[in-house]
C-alpha atoms as a PDB file:
ATOM      1  CA  MET A   1     -32.926  20.756  -0.059  1.00  0.00           C
ATOM      2  CA  ARG A   2     -32.215  19.494  -3.178  1.00  0.00           C
ATOM      3  CA  ARG A   3     -28.649  21.360  -3.203  1.00  0.00           C
ATOM      4  CA  ALA A   4     -28.281  20.217   0.287  1.00  0.00           C
ATOM      5  CA  LEU A   5     -28.598  16.485  -0.590  1.00  0.00           C
ATOM      6  CA  HIS A   6     -26.333  16.599  -3.807  1.00  0.00           C
ATOM      7  CA  GLY A   7     -23.808  18.062  -1.587  1.00  0.00           C
ATOM      8  CA  ALA A   8     -24.213  15.250   0.887  1.00  0.00           C
ATOM      9  CA  LEU A   9     -23.974  13.059  -1.663  1.00  0.00           C
ATOM     10  CA  VAL A  10     -20.865  14.682  -2.816  1.00  0.00           C
ATOM     11  CA  VAL A  11     -18.978  14.397   0.362  1.00  0.00           C
ATOM     12  CA  ALA A  12     -19.862  10.961   1.284  1.00  0.00           C
ATOM     13  CA  THR A  13     -18.697   9.442  -2.046  1.00  0.00           C
ATOM     14  CA  ALA A  14     -15.604  11.654  -2.189  1.00  0.00           C
ATOM     15  CA  LEU A  15     -14.938  10.860   1.372  1.00  0.00           C
ATOM     16  CA  ALA A  16     -15.403   7.035   0.669  1.00  0.00           C
ATOM     17  CA  ALA A  17     -13.107   7.385  -2.592  1.00  0.00           C
ATOM     18  CA  LEU A  18     -10.393   9.285  -0.512  1.00  0.00           C
ATOM     19  CA  SER A  19     -10.450   6.706   2.299  1.00  0.00           C
ATOM     20  CA  LEU A  20      -9.227   4.006   0.412  1.00  0.00           C
ATOM     21  CA  MET A  21      -6.289   6.140  -1.431  1.00  0.00           C
ATOM     22  CA  ASP A  22      -5.038   7.010   2.145  1.00  0.00           C
ATOM     23  CA  ALA A  23      -5.352  10.397   1.178  1.00  0.00           C
ATOM     24  CA  LEU A  24      -7.060  11.260   4.451  1.00  0.00           C
ATOM     25  CA  GLY A  25      -5.182   8.417   6.226  1.00  0.00           C
ATOM     26  CA  MET A  26      -8.321   6.866   7.684  1.00  0.00           C
ATOM     27  CA  PRO A  27      -9.118   3.946   5.728  1.00  0.00           C
ATOM     28  CA  GLY A  28     -11.638   2.816   8.423  1.00  0.00           C
ATOM     29  CA  LEU A  29     -13.858   5.681   6.972  1.00  0.00           C
ATOM     30  CA  HIS A  30     -14.138   3.725   3.782  1.00  0.00           C
ATOM     31  CA  ARG A  31     -17.679   1.641   5.411  1.00  0.00           C
ATOM     32  CA  PRO A  32     -19.490   4.497   6.994  1.00  0.00           C
ATOM     33  CA  ALA A  33     -19.062   6.845   4.319  1.00  0.00           C
ATOM     34  CA  GLY A  34     -20.650   4.515   1.710  1.00  0.00           C
ATOM     35  CA  TYR A  35     -23.458   3.742   4.304  1.00  0.00           C
ATOM     36  CA  ALA A  36     -23.955   7.648   4.162  1.00  0.00           C
ATOM     37  CA  ALA A  37     -24.107   7.681   0.709  1.00  0.00           C
ATOM     38  CA  VAL A  38     -26.516   5.225   0.246  1.00  0.00           C
ATOM     39  CA  ALA A  39     -28.691   6.956   2.789  1.00  0.00           C
ATOM     40  CA  VAL A  40     -28.582  10.138   1.343  1.00  0.00           C
ATOM     41  CA  LEU A  41     -29.218   8.737  -1.956  1.00  0.00           C
ATOM     42  CA  LEU A  42     -31.901   6.861  -0.829  1.00  0.00           C
ATOM     43  CA  TRP A  43     -33.465   9.894   0.401  1.00  0.00           C
ATOM     44  CA  ARG A  44     -32.713  11.949  -2.678  1.00  0.00           C
ATOM     45  CA  VAL A  45     -34.633   9.181  -4.791  1.00  0.00           C
ATOM     46  CA  ALA A  46     -37.645   9.367  -2.156  1.00  0.00           C
ATOM     47  CA  TRP A  47     -37.534  13.039  -2.358  1.00  0.00           C
ATOM     48  CA  ARG A  48     -37.546  13.496  -6.078  1.00  0.00           C
ATOM     49  CA  ARG A  49     -40.242  13.435  -8.182  1.00  0.00           C
ATOM     50  CA  SER A  50     -38.425  12.922 -11.510  1.00  0.00           C
ATOM     51  CA  MET A  51     -34.648  12.292 -12.561  1.00  0.00           C
ATOM     52  CA  ARG A  52     -32.907  12.346 -16.024  1.00  0.00           C
ATOM     53  CA  LEU A  53     -31.131   9.312 -17.299  1.00  0.00           C
ATOM     54  CA  ALA A  54     -27.822  10.639 -16.529  1.00  0.00           C
ATOM     55  CA  ALA A  55     -29.542  11.250 -12.674  1.00  0.00           C
ATOM     56  CA  ILE A  56     -30.784   7.137 -13.181  1.00  0.00           C
ATOM     57  CA  ALA A  57     -27.559   6.152 -14.425  1.00  0.00           C
ATOM     58  CA  ARG A  58     -25.527   7.812 -11.808  1.00  0.00           C
ATOM     59  CA  THR A  59     -27.990   6.645  -8.997  1.00  0.00           C
ATOM     60  CA  LEU A  60     -27.819   3.094 -10.118  1.00  0.00           C
ATOM     61  CA  CYS A  61     -24.010   3.269 -10.134  1.00  0.00           C
ATOM     62  CA  ILE A  62     -23.858   3.845  -6.434  1.00  0.00           C
ATOM     63  CA  ALA A  63     -26.581   1.506  -5.693  1.00  0.00           C
ATOM     64  CA  ALA A  64     -24.376  -1.262  -7.407  1.00  0.00           C
ATOM     65  CA  LEU A  65     -21.375   0.298  -5.710  1.00  0.00           C
ATOM     66  CA  ALA A  66     -23.097  -0.270  -2.523  1.00  0.00           C
ATOM     67  CA  LEU A  67     -24.822  -3.921  -2.930  1.00  0.00           C
ATOM     68  CA  SER A  68     -21.067  -4.728  -4.102  1.00  0.00           C
ATOM     69  CA  GLY A  69     -19.247  -3.293  -0.880  1.00  0.00           C
ATOM     70  CA  TRP A  70     -22.183  -5.019   1.294  1.00  0.00           C
ATOM     71  CA  LEU A  71     -21.747  -8.454  -0.438  1.00  0.00           C
ATOM     72  CA  TYR A  72     -17.993  -8.070   0.270  1.00  0.00           C
ATOM     73  CA  THR A  73     -18.585  -7.922   4.112  1.00  0.00           C
ATOM     74  CA  THR A  74     -20.927 -11.028   4.029  1.00  0.00           C
ATOM     75  CA  ASP A  75     -19.683 -14.817   5.259  1.00  0.00           C
ATOM     76  CA  ALA A  76     -20.730 -15.866   1.790  1.00  0.00           C
ATOM     77  CA  TYR A  77     -18.530 -13.242  -0.383  1.00  0.00           C
ATOM     78  CA  TRP A  78     -15.862 -12.244   1.868  1.00  0.00           C
ATOM     79  CA  GLY A  79     -12.786 -12.205   0.018  1.00  0.00           C
ATOM     80  CA  SER A  80     -14.436 -12.915  -3.720  1.00  0.00           C
ATOM     81  CA  GLU A  81     -12.482 -11.346  -6.467  1.00  0.00           C
ATOM     82  CA  ALA A  82     -15.341 -11.403  -8.397  1.00  0.00           C
ATOM     83  CA  ILE A  83     -17.294  -8.748  -6.040  1.00  0.00           C
ATOM     84  CA  GLU A  84     -14.255  -7.315  -5.350  1.00  0.00           C
ATOM     85  CA  SER A  85     -13.680  -6.831  -9.180  1.00  0.00           C
ATOM     86  CA  ALA A  86     -17.362  -5.464  -9.636  1.00  0.00           C
ATOM     87  CA  HIS A  87     -17.002  -3.026  -6.978  1.00  0.00           C
ATOM     88  CA  HIS A  88     -13.925  -1.630  -8.473  1.00  0.00           C
ATOM     89  CA  ALA A  89     -15.324  -1.651 -11.449  1.00  0.00           C
ATOM     90  CA  PHE A  90     -18.514   0.296 -10.523  1.00  0.00           C
ATOM     91  CA  ALA A  91     -15.824   2.761  -8.792  1.00  0.00           C
ATOM     92  CA  TRP A  92     -14.652   3.484 -12.244  1.00  0.00           C
ATOM     93  CA  ALA A  93     -17.770   3.739 -13.577  1.00  0.00           C
ATOM     94  CA  LEU A  94     -18.951   6.226 -11.066  1.00  0.00           C
ATOM     95  CA  LEU A  95     -15.980   8.474 -11.681  1.00  0.00           C
ATOM     96  CA  VAL A  96     -16.288   8.461 -15.539  1.00  0.00           C
ATOM     97  CA  LEU A  97     -20.221   9.287 -14.801  1.00  0.00           C
ATOM     98  CA  VAL A  98     -19.146  12.024 -12.613  1.00  0.00           C
ATOM     99  CA  VAL A  99     -16.683  13.779 -14.685  1.00  0.00           C
ATOM    100  CA  TRP A 100     -19.010  13.826 -17.652  1.00  0.00           C
ATOM    101  CA  HIS A 101     -21.616  15.454 -15.206  1.00  0.00           C
ATOM    102  CA  VAL A 102     -19.397  18.149 -14.126  1.00  0.00           C
ATOM    103  CA  ALA A 103     -18.486  18.470 -17.526  1.00  0.00           C
ATOM    104  CA  THR A 104     -21.807  18.769 -18.907  1.00  0.00           C
ATOM    105  CA  VAL A 105     -23.175  21.015 -16.091  1.00  0.00           C
ATOM    106  CA  SER A 106     -19.933  23.513 -16.793  1.00  0.00           C
ATOM    107  CA  PHE A 107     -20.520  23.475 -20.516  1.00  0.00           C
ATOM    108  CA  ALA A 108     -24.130  24.595 -19.992  1.00  0.00           C
ATOM    109  CA  ARG A 109     -23.251  27.159 -17.654  1.00  0.00           C
ATOM    110  CA  MET A 110     -21.012  28.813 -19.917  1.00  0.00           C
ATOM    111  CA  ARG A 111     -23.620  28.699 -22.369  1.00  0.00           C
ATOM    112  CA  ARG A 112     -25.697  30.482 -20.532  1.00  0.00           C
ATOM    113  CA  ARG A 113     -23.220  33.117 -19.626  1.00  0.00           C
ATOM    114  CA  LYS A 114     -22.261  33.606 -23.153  1.00  0.00           C
ATOM    115  CA  ARG A 115     -25.938  34.506 -24.047  1.00  0.00           C
ATOM    116  CA  ARG A 116     -26.573  36.349 -21.106  1.00  0.00           C
ATOM    117  CA  LEU A 117     -23.432  38.530 -22.432  1.00  0.00           C
ATOM    118  CA  GLN A 118     -24.590  38.650 -25.758  1.00  0.00           C
END
């Protein structure tokens, strides 16, 4: 179940990002993909018993992305440059956290393989 939720979160987040870059040719997919990412995130948080610091950072970053994205759709903050800038900053922060996550997981797997071969 954990891997399925991880995969769903990866797909939803990637779709949200790629839809804005016109890589998919479907800019209308950004909001539903973002909502899907939040739904999976909430499910993961409710299901998991403990999280490491890096996972908490990624979770909070996705939550901040969702909140800033939602605020941008409200009447009070529609067109707000501050909210848009915050949303973009959280998106870049998430990209850094994801790259770091992939790098550390890859490094740990290489170390495990190397130990098995010795």
